[in-house]
Structures are given as C-alpha cells and as structure tokens.
Amino acid sequence: MARILIIEDNPANMQLMVYLLRAFGHETLEAQAGQAGLATAQNDLPDLILCDLQMPGMDGYEVARRLKLIPGLKAISLVAVTAYAMVGDRDRILAAGFDGYISKPINAEQFVKQVEIFLPPDKHAGSSKPSNLQS
C-alpha cells in the first residue's frame, strides 16, 4: 500500500478522500494548506501527493511549482483534485507540473482506481473492493 499526502482545505472533501484511501489500505497524510503540505512532503516523503488547486494563501499551482524545485520531491507524482473541468484546464494543470488530475466532485466508486493509476503496481490495493466499506 502507499503513503498518500492529501493537500485539501475543505474538511468534507478531505474526510471523504481519507476514508476511501484508508478503506483500501493506503496510509494518508493530511495538510489543510499549501505551505503545510510542502512541509509534510519534505518530512514524510509520500509515494503520491493529491492537491486541491483552489486554496487560500498558497494555491495548488504554487504548491506544484515549489515541489518541482525540491530535488527530493520533484519525482513524486503530483495529482490535482479539482473542480476545474473546462476546456483547456487539463492542459494548464499538466503544464503547471501536475502529473494528472481527478475532477471534483469525486466519484467514490472510482476514486481509488483513479488515484492508483499514478502509483507503481506494487503500491495498489490488493482487492477491487475493501471489506470495511459500508454499503
């Protein structure tokens, strides 16, 4: 399983992502702001970083720019989790240094599979559905 850092300022979004990822056996690290996310990434070296784009203070674009400047962090996959889904947004997100993006609102049934695309196969969940998710 993987260590996944989530940088998200919305508590409800954070709670849902944490719940889903943990249900599939992944370890989550949490930061509610860009600067805190950078510090957590440097201290804990996650396997993957999920980052909101619209955050007060340091937005996701600035987080991406700074992460890509740090030698020990620039190789970590960075995925935007965002409500931006207009024509051109994907290209702008990728050009900013993100390796991909997942649209909000997230689809609870697909979210972990979407995240795991950015992880090496040995870090994927072992089964297609966890036993501890409530139906």
N, C-alpha and C. Protein backbone atom coordinates (compact mmCIF):
# COMPACT_ATOMS: atom_id res chain seq x y z
N MET A 1 0.83 -1.17 0.00
CA MET A 1 0.00 0.00 0.00
C MET A 1 0.88 1.24 0.00
N ALA A 2 0.27 2.36 -0.30
CA ALA A 2 1.03 3.60 -0.49
C ALA A 2 0.79 4.60 0.64
N ARG A 3 1.74 5.51 0.79
CA ARG A 3 1.59 6.68 1.67
C ARG A 3 1.19 7.83 0.76
N ILE A 4 0.01 8.37 0.98
CA ILE A 4 -0.53 9.40 0.10
C ILE A 4 -0.80 10.67 0.89
N LEU A 5 -0.18 11.76 0.46
CA LEU A 5 -0.40 13.06 1.06
C LEU A 5 -1.55 13.75 0.35
N ILE A 6 -2.52 14.22 1.14
CA ILE A 6 -3.66 14.97 0.61
C ILE A 6 -3.55 16.40 1.10
N ILE A 7 -3.48 17.34 0.16
CA ILE A 7 -3.45 18.77 0.49
C ILE A 7 -4.80 19.33 0.05
N GLU A 8 -5.65 19.61 1.01
CA GLU A 8 -7.05 19.99 0.74
C GLU A 8 -7.57 20.84 1.88
N ASP A 9 -8.14 22.00 1.57
CA ASP A 9 -8.64 22.90 2.62
C ASP A 9 -10.09 22.66 3.00
N ASN A 10 -10.83 21.90 2.21
CA ASN A 10 -12.24 21.65 2.50
C ASN A 10 -12.35 20.38 3.37
N PRO A 11 -12.83 20.52 4.63
CA PRO A 11 -12.88 19.36 5.53
C PRO A 11 -13.70 18.19 5.00
N ALA A 12 -14.81 18.45 4.34
CA ALA A 12 -15.65 17.36 3.83
C ALA A 12 -14.93 16.60 2.72
N ASN A 13 -14.28 17.32 1.82
CA ASN A 13 -13.52 16.66 0.76
C ASN A 13 -12.37 15.85 1.34
N MET A 14 -11.67 16.43 2.31
CA MET A 14 -10.56 15.73 2.95
C MET A 14 -11.05 14.44 3.61
N GLN A 15 -12.13 14.55 4.36
CA GLN A 15 -12.66 13.39 5.08
C GLN A 15 -13.03 12.27 4.11
N LEU A 16 -13.66 12.59 2.99
CA LEU A 16 -14.06 11.57 2.03
C LEU A 16 -12.84 10.90 1.40
N MET A 17 -11.86 11.69 0.98
CA MET A 17 -10.66 11.11 0.36
C MET A 17 -9.90 10.23 1.34
N VAL A 18 -9.75 10.71 2.57
CA VAL A 18 -9.06 9.92 3.61
C VAL A 18 -9.80 8.61 3.84
N TYR A 19 -11.10 8.67 4.00
CA TYR A 19 -11.91 7.48 4.25
C TYR A 19 -11.73 6.44 3.13
N LEU A 20 -11.85 6.90 1.89
CA LEU A 20 -11.76 5.97 0.76
C LEU A 20 -10.37 5.35 0.65
N LEU A 21 -9.35 6.16 0.75
CA LEU A 21 -7.99 5.65 0.62
C LEU A 21 -7.63 4.69 1.75
N ARG A 22 -8.02 5.03 2.96
CA ARG A 22 -7.73 4.14 4.10
C ARG A 22 -8.52 2.84 4.00
N ALA A 23 -9.74 2.92 3.48
CA ALA A 23 -10.56 1.71 3.34
C ALA A 23 -9.89 0.70 2.42
N PHE A 24 -9.07 1.19 1.50
CA PHE A 24 -8.34 0.31 0.59
C PHE A 24 -6.93 0.01 1.09
N GLY A 25 -6.63 0.40 2.32
CA GLY A 25 -5.37 0.04 2.94
C GLY A 25 -4.23 1.04 2.78
N HIS A 26 -4.49 2.17 2.14
CA HIS A 26 -3.44 3.17 1.97
C HIS A 26 -3.30 4.00 3.25
N GLU A 27 -2.09 4.45 3.50
CA GLU A 27 -1.83 5.37 4.61
C GLU A 27 -1.99 6.79 4.07
N THR A 28 -2.66 7.63 4.83
CA THR A 28 -2.84 9.01 4.38
C THR A 28 -2.13 9.98 5.32
N LEU A 29 -1.61 11.03 4.71
CA LEU A 29 -1.04 12.17 5.41
C LEU A 29 -1.91 13.34 5.00
N GLU A 30 -2.18 14.26 5.91
CA GLU A 30 -3.13 15.33 5.62
C GLU A 30 -2.54 16.70 5.89
N ALA A 31 -2.85 17.64 5.00
CA ALA A 31 -2.47 19.04 5.18
C ALA A 31 -3.62 19.90 4.66
N GLN A 32 -4.01 20.90 5.45
CA GLN A 32 -5.13 21.75 5.07
C GLN A 32 -4.72 23.00 4.31
N ALA A 33 -3.43 23.19 4.05
CA ALA A 33 -2.96 24.37 3.34
C ALA A 33 -1.70 24.02 2.56
N GLY A 34 -1.40 24.83 1.55
CA GLY A 34 -0.26 24.58 0.69
C GLY A 34 1.06 24.52 1.43
N GLN A 35 1.33 25.51 2.27
CA GLN A 35 2.60 25.55 2.99
C GLN A 35 2.76 24.33 3.90
N ALA A 36 1.70 23.95 4.59
CA ALA A 36 1.74 22.76 5.44
C ALA A 36 1.96 21.50 4.60
N GLY A 37 1.38 21.47 3.41
CA GLY A 37 1.57 20.34 2.52
C GLY A 37 3.02 20.19 2.07
N LEU A 38 3.65 21.32 1.76
CA LEU A 38 5.07 21.28 1.38
C LEU A 38 5.93 20.74 2.52
N ALA A 39 5.66 21.21 3.73
CA ALA A 39 6.42 20.76 4.89
C ALA A 39 6.22 19.26 5.13
N THR A 40 4.97 18.81 5.02
CA THR A 40 4.68 17.39 5.22
C THR A 40 5.37 16.55 4.15
N ALA A 41 5.34 17.01 2.90
CA ALA A 41 6.00 16.28 1.82
C ALA A 41 7.49 16.13 2.09
N GLN A 42 8.13 17.20 2.54
CA GLN A 42 9.57 17.16 2.83
C GLN A 42 9.89 16.25 4.02
N ASN A 43 9.05 16.28 5.03
CA ASN A 43 9.30 15.49 6.24
C ASN A 43 8.97 14.01 6.07
N ASP A 44 7.92 13.70 5.31
CA ASP A 44 7.40 12.33 5.26
C ASP A 44 7.59 11.60 3.94
N LEU A 45 8.02 12.29 2.89
CA LEU A 45 8.28 11.69 1.58
C LEU A 45 7.20 10.68 1.15
N PRO A 46 6.01 11.17 0.84
CA PRO A 46 4.93 10.26 0.43
C PRO A 46 5.20 9.63 -0.93
N ASP A 47 4.43 8.61 -1.26
CA ASP A 47 4.52 7.96 -2.57
C ASP A 47 3.78 8.77 -3.63
N LEU A 48 2.80 9.55 -3.21
CA LEU A 48 1.94 10.32 -4.11
C LEU A 48 1.40 11.51 -3.36
N ILE A 49 1.18 12.61 -4.09
CA ILE A 49 0.57 13.80 -3.49
C ILE A 49 -0.68 14.16 -4.28
N LEU A 50 -1.80 14.28 -3.57
CA LEU A 50 -3.06 14.77 -4.14
C LEU A 50 -3.22 16.20 -3.65
N CYS A 51 -3.52 17.13 -4.56
CA CYS A 51 -3.54 18.54 -4.16
C CYS A 51 -4.71 19.28 -4.80
N ASP A 52 -5.47 19.95 -3.97
CA ASP A 52 -6.52 20.85 -4.43
C ASP A 52 -5.85 22.04 -5.13
N LEU A 53 -6.54 22.66 -6.05
CA LEU A 53 -5.99 23.84 -6.72
C LEU A 53 -6.42 25.14 -6.04
N GLN A 54 -7.68 25.19 -5.62
CA GLN A 54 -8.23 26.42 -5.04
C GLN A 54 -8.12 26.37 -3.53
N MET A 55 -7.06 26.99 -3.02
CA MET A 55 -6.86 27.07 -1.57
C MET A 55 -6.46 28.50 -1.25
N PRO A 56 -6.86 28.98 -0.08
CA PRO A 56 -6.43 30.33 0.30
C PRO A 56 -4.92 30.34 0.58
N GLY A 57 -4.33 31.50 0.43
CA GLY A 57 -2.89 31.60 0.65
C GLY A 57 -2.16 31.04 -0.55
N MET A 58 -1.53 29.90 -0.38
CA MET A 58 -0.78 29.25 -1.46
C MET A 58 -1.70 28.28 -2.20
N ASP A 59 -2.00 28.58 -3.46
CA ASP A 59 -2.87 27.68 -4.23
C ASP A 59 -2.09 26.47 -4.73
N GLY A 60 -2.82 25.55 -5.34
CA GLY A 60 -2.20 24.31 -5.81
C GLY A 60 -1.15 24.52 -6.88
N TYR A 61 -1.31 25.54 -7.70
CA TYR A 61 -0.31 25.82 -8.73
C TYR A 61 1.03 26.20 -8.10
N GLU A 62 0.98 26.99 -7.04
CA GLU A 62 2.21 27.38 -6.35
C GLU A 62 2.82 26.18 -5.62
N VAL A 63 1.98 25.33 -5.06
CA VAL A 63 2.47 24.10 -4.43
C VAL A 63 3.23 23.27 -5.47
N ALA A 64 2.65 23.10 -6.65
CA ALA A 64 3.30 22.33 -7.70
C ALA A 64 4.64 22.96 -8.09
N ARG A 65 4.66 24.25 -8.28
CA ARG A 65 5.88 24.94 -8.68
C ARG A 65 6.99 24.71 -7.65
N ARG A 66 6.64 24.86 -6.38
CA ARG A 66 7.65 24.70 -5.32
C ARG A 66 8.10 23.25 -5.16
N LEU A 67 7.15 22.31 -5.25
CA LEU A 67 7.52 20.90 -5.13
C LEU A 67 8.52 20.50 -6.22
N LYS A 68 8.31 20.98 -7.42
CA LYS A 68 9.16 20.60 -8.54
C LYS A 68 10.55 21.23 -8.46
N LEU A 69 10.75 22.18 -7.56
CA LEU A 69 12.06 22.81 -7.35
C LEU A 69 12.90 22.07 -6.31
N ILE A 70 12.28 21.17 -5.56
CA ILE A 70 12.97 20.47 -4.47
C ILE A 70 13.44 19.11 -4.98
N PRO A 71 14.76 18.91 -5.08
CA PRO A 71 15.28 17.67 -5.67
C PRO A 71 14.67 16.38 -5.12
N GLY A 72 14.51 16.26 -3.82
CA GLY A 72 13.97 15.03 -3.24
C GLY A 72 12.48 14.84 -3.44
N LEU A 73 11.78 15.86 -3.92
CA LEU A 73 10.33 15.78 -4.07
C LEU A 73 9.85 15.82 -5.52
N LYS A 74 10.67 16.33 -6.43
CA LYS A 74 10.18 16.54 -7.79
C LYS A 74 9.81 15.26 -8.52
N ALA A 75 10.33 14.12 -8.08
CA ALA A 75 9.99 12.85 -8.73
C ALA A 75 8.70 12.24 -8.20
N ILE A 76 8.15 12.76 -7.09
CA ILE A 76 6.91 12.22 -6.53
C ILE A 76 5.74 12.65 -7.42
N SER A 77 4.90 11.70 -7.79
CA SER A 77 3.73 12.03 -8.62
C SER A 77 2.82 12.99 -7.88
N LEU A 78 2.36 14.00 -8.62
CA LEU A 78 1.51 15.05 -8.08
C LEU A 78 0.23 15.10 -8.91
N VAL A 79 -0.91 14.94 -8.24
CA VAL A 79 -2.20 14.89 -8.93
C VAL A 79 -3.12 15.97 -8.38
N ALA A 80 -3.65 16.78 -9.26
CA ALA A 80 -4.63 17.80 -8.87
C ALA A 80 -5.99 17.13 -8.67
N VAL A 81 -6.66 17.51 -7.60
CA VAL A 81 -8.04 17.07 -7.37
C VAL A 81 -8.83 18.38 -7.36
N THR A 82 -9.59 18.60 -8.42
CA THR A 82 -10.12 19.93 -8.64
C THR A 82 -11.48 19.96 -9.32
N ALA A 83 -12.18 21.04 -9.10
CA ALA A 83 -13.46 21.27 -9.77
C ALA A 83 -13.24 21.88 -11.15
N TYR A 84 -12.01 22.29 -11.46
CA TYR A 84 -11.72 22.83 -12.79
C TYR A 84 -11.85 21.72 -13.81
N ALA A 85 -12.81 21.84 -14.71
CA ALA A 85 -13.03 20.81 -15.72
C ALA A 85 -13.45 21.43 -17.04
N MET A 86 -13.04 22.67 -17.27
CA MET A 86 -13.38 23.36 -18.51
C MET A 86 -12.33 23.03 -19.57
N VAL A 87 -12.67 23.33 -20.82
CA VAL A 87 -11.74 23.13 -21.92
C VAL A 87 -10.46 23.93 -21.62
N GLY A 88 -9.34 23.31 -21.74
CA GLY A 88 -8.07 23.97 -21.50
C GLY A 88 -7.53 23.80 -20.09
N ASP A 89 -8.40 23.48 -19.12
CA ASP A 89 -7.93 23.33 -17.75
C ASP A 89 -6.94 22.17 -17.61
N ARG A 90 -7.21 21.07 -18.28
CA ARG A 90 -6.31 19.91 -18.20
C ARG A 90 -4.91 20.29 -18.66
N ASP A 91 -4.82 20.96 -19.80
CA ASP A 91 -3.51 21.36 -20.32
C ASP A 91 -2.81 22.32 -19.38
N ARG A 92 -3.54 23.24 -18.81
CA ARG A 92 -2.95 24.21 -17.87
C ARG A 92 -2.44 23.50 -16.61
N ILE A 93 -3.21 22.54 -16.12
CA ILE A 93 -2.82 21.78 -14.92
C ILE A 93 -1.55 20.98 -15.18
N LEU A 94 -1.50 20.29 -16.30
CA LEU A 94 -0.32 19.49 -16.64
C LEU A 94 0.90 20.39 -16.88
N ALA A 95 0.70 21.51 -17.53
CA ALA A 95 1.79 22.45 -17.78
C ALA A 95 2.36 23.03 -16.48
N ALA A 96 1.53 23.08 -15.44
CA ALA A 96 1.96 23.62 -14.16
C ALA A 96 2.82 22.64 -13.36
N GLY A 97 2.94 21.41 -13.85
CA GLY A 97 3.78 20.44 -13.16
C GLY A 97 3.05 19.25 -12.57
N PHE A 98 1.73 19.23 -12.69
CA PHE A 98 0.96 18.09 -12.20
C PHE A 98 1.10 16.93 -13.18
N ASP A 99 1.06 15.72 -12.65
CA ASP A 99 1.14 14.52 -13.49
C ASP A 99 -0.24 14.08 -13.99
N GLY A 100 -1.29 14.62 -13.40
CA GLY A 100 -2.64 14.29 -13.80
C GLY A 100 -3.63 15.02 -12.93
N TYR A 101 -4.91 14.76 -13.17
CA TYR A 101 -5.93 15.37 -12.32
C TYR A 101 -7.15 14.49 -12.23
N ILE A 102 -7.86 14.69 -11.13
CA ILE A 102 -9.11 14.00 -10.86
C ILE A 102 -10.15 15.09 -10.61
N SER A 103 -11.27 15.00 -11.30
CA SER A 103 -12.31 16.02 -11.19
C SER A 103 -13.13 15.86 -9.93
N LYS A 104 -13.52 17.00 -9.36
CA LYS A 104 -14.49 17.05 -8.26
C LYS A 104 -15.85 17.38 -8.87
N PRO A 105 -16.92 16.93 -8.27
CA PRO A 105 -16.92 16.07 -7.09
C PRO A 105 -16.37 14.69 -7.44
N ILE A 106 -15.63 14.11 -6.50
CA ILE A 106 -15.04 12.81 -6.78
C ILE A 106 -16.12 11.74 -6.79
N ASN A 107 -15.88 10.73 -7.60
CA ASN A 107 -16.77 9.58 -7.68
C ASN A 107 -16.23 8.54 -6.70
N ALA A 108 -16.96 8.32 -5.62
CA ALA A 108 -16.48 7.43 -4.56
C ALA A 108 -16.15 6.03 -5.07
N GLU A 109 -16.89 5.54 -6.05
CA GLU A 109 -16.66 4.19 -6.55
C GLU A 109 -15.41 4.10 -7.43
N GLN A 110 -15.00 5.20 -8.03
CA GLN A 110 -13.86 5.21 -8.94
C GLN A 110 -12.61 5.86 -8.37
N PHE A 111 -12.72 6.60 -7.28
CA PHE A 111 -11.64 7.44 -6.79
C PHE A 111 -10.34 6.68 -6.56
N VAL A 112 -10.37 5.58 -5.84
CA VAL A 112 -9.13 4.86 -5.52
C VAL A 112 -8.48 4.34 -6.80
N LYS A 113 -9.26 3.84 -7.73
CA LYS A 113 -8.70 3.38 -9.01
C LYS A 113 -8.06 4.55 -9.75
N GLN A 114 -8.70 5.71 -9.72
CA GLN A 114 -8.13 6.89 -10.38
C GLN A 114 -6.80 7.29 -9.74
N VAL A 115 -6.73 7.21 -8.43
CA VAL A 115 -5.51 7.56 -7.70
C VAL A 115 -4.41 6.55 -8.01
N GLU A 116 -4.75 5.27 -7.99
CA GLU A 116 -3.74 4.22 -8.15
C GLU A 116 -3.09 4.20 -9.52
N ILE A 117 -3.68 4.85 -10.50
CA ILE A 117 -3.06 4.98 -11.82
C ILE A 117 -1.68 5.63 -11.69
N PHE A 118 -1.53 6.49 -10.69
CA PHE A 118 -0.30 7.25 -10.51
C PHE A 118 0.68 6.59 -9.54
N LEU A 119 0.37 5.37 -9.12
CA LEU A 119 1.23 4.61 -8.21
C LEU A 119 1.85 3.42 -8.93
N PRO A 120 3.02 2.98 -8.50
CA PRO A 120 3.57 1.75 -9.06
C PRO A 120 2.65 0.57 -8.69
N PRO A 121 2.60 -0.46 -9.54
CA PRO A 121 1.69 -1.59 -9.28
C PRO A 121 1.84 -2.22 -7.90
N ASP A 122 3.04 -2.24 -7.34
CA ASP A 122 3.21 -2.87 -6.03
C ASP A 122 2.62 -2.04 -4.89
N LYS A 123 2.14 -0.83 -5.19
CA LYS A 123 1.53 0.04 -4.18
C LYS A 123 -0.01 0.05 -4.30
N HIS A 124 -0.57 -0.74 -5.21
CA HIS A 124 -2.03 -0.78 -5.41
C HIS A 124 -2.69 -1.62 -4.32
N ALA A 125 -3.98 -1.36 -4.11
CA ALA A 125 -4.77 -2.15 -3.18
C ALA A 125 -4.87 -3.58 -3.70
N GLY A 126 -4.95 -4.53 -2.79
CA GLY A 126 -4.95 -5.93 -3.18
C GLY A 126 -6.25 -6.45 -3.75
N SER A 127 -7.36 -5.78 -3.49
CA SER A 127 -8.64 -6.26 -3.99
C SER A 127 -9.41 -5.11 -4.61
N SER A 128 -10.43 -5.44 -5.38
CA SER A 128 -11.18 -4.40 -6.06
C SER A 128 -12.15 -3.67 -5.15
N LYS A 129 -12.53 -4.30 -4.03
CA LYS A 129 -13.44 -3.65 -3.08
C LYS A 129 -13.05 -4.02 -1.65
N PRO A 130 -12.86 -3.03 -0.83
CA PRO A 130 -12.48 -3.34 0.56
C PRO A 130 -13.64 -3.94 1.33
N SER A 131 -13.30 -4.74 2.31
CA SER A 131 -14.35 -5.37 3.11
C SER A 131 -14.92 -4.43 4.18
N ASN A 132 -14.21 -3.34 4.48
CA ASN A 132 -14.68 -2.48 5.56
C ASN A 132 -15.46 -1.26 5.10
N LEU A 133 -15.80 -1.15 3.82
CA LEU A 133 -16.66 -0.06 3.36
C LEU A 133 -18.10 -0.40 3.65
N GLN A 134 -18.82 0.58 4.13
CA GLN A 134 -20.25 0.40 4.39
C GLN A 134 -21.03 0.47 3.08
N SER A 135 -21.99 -0.39 2.90
CA SER A 135 -22.81 -0.39 1.67
C SER A 135 -23.94 0.58 1.78
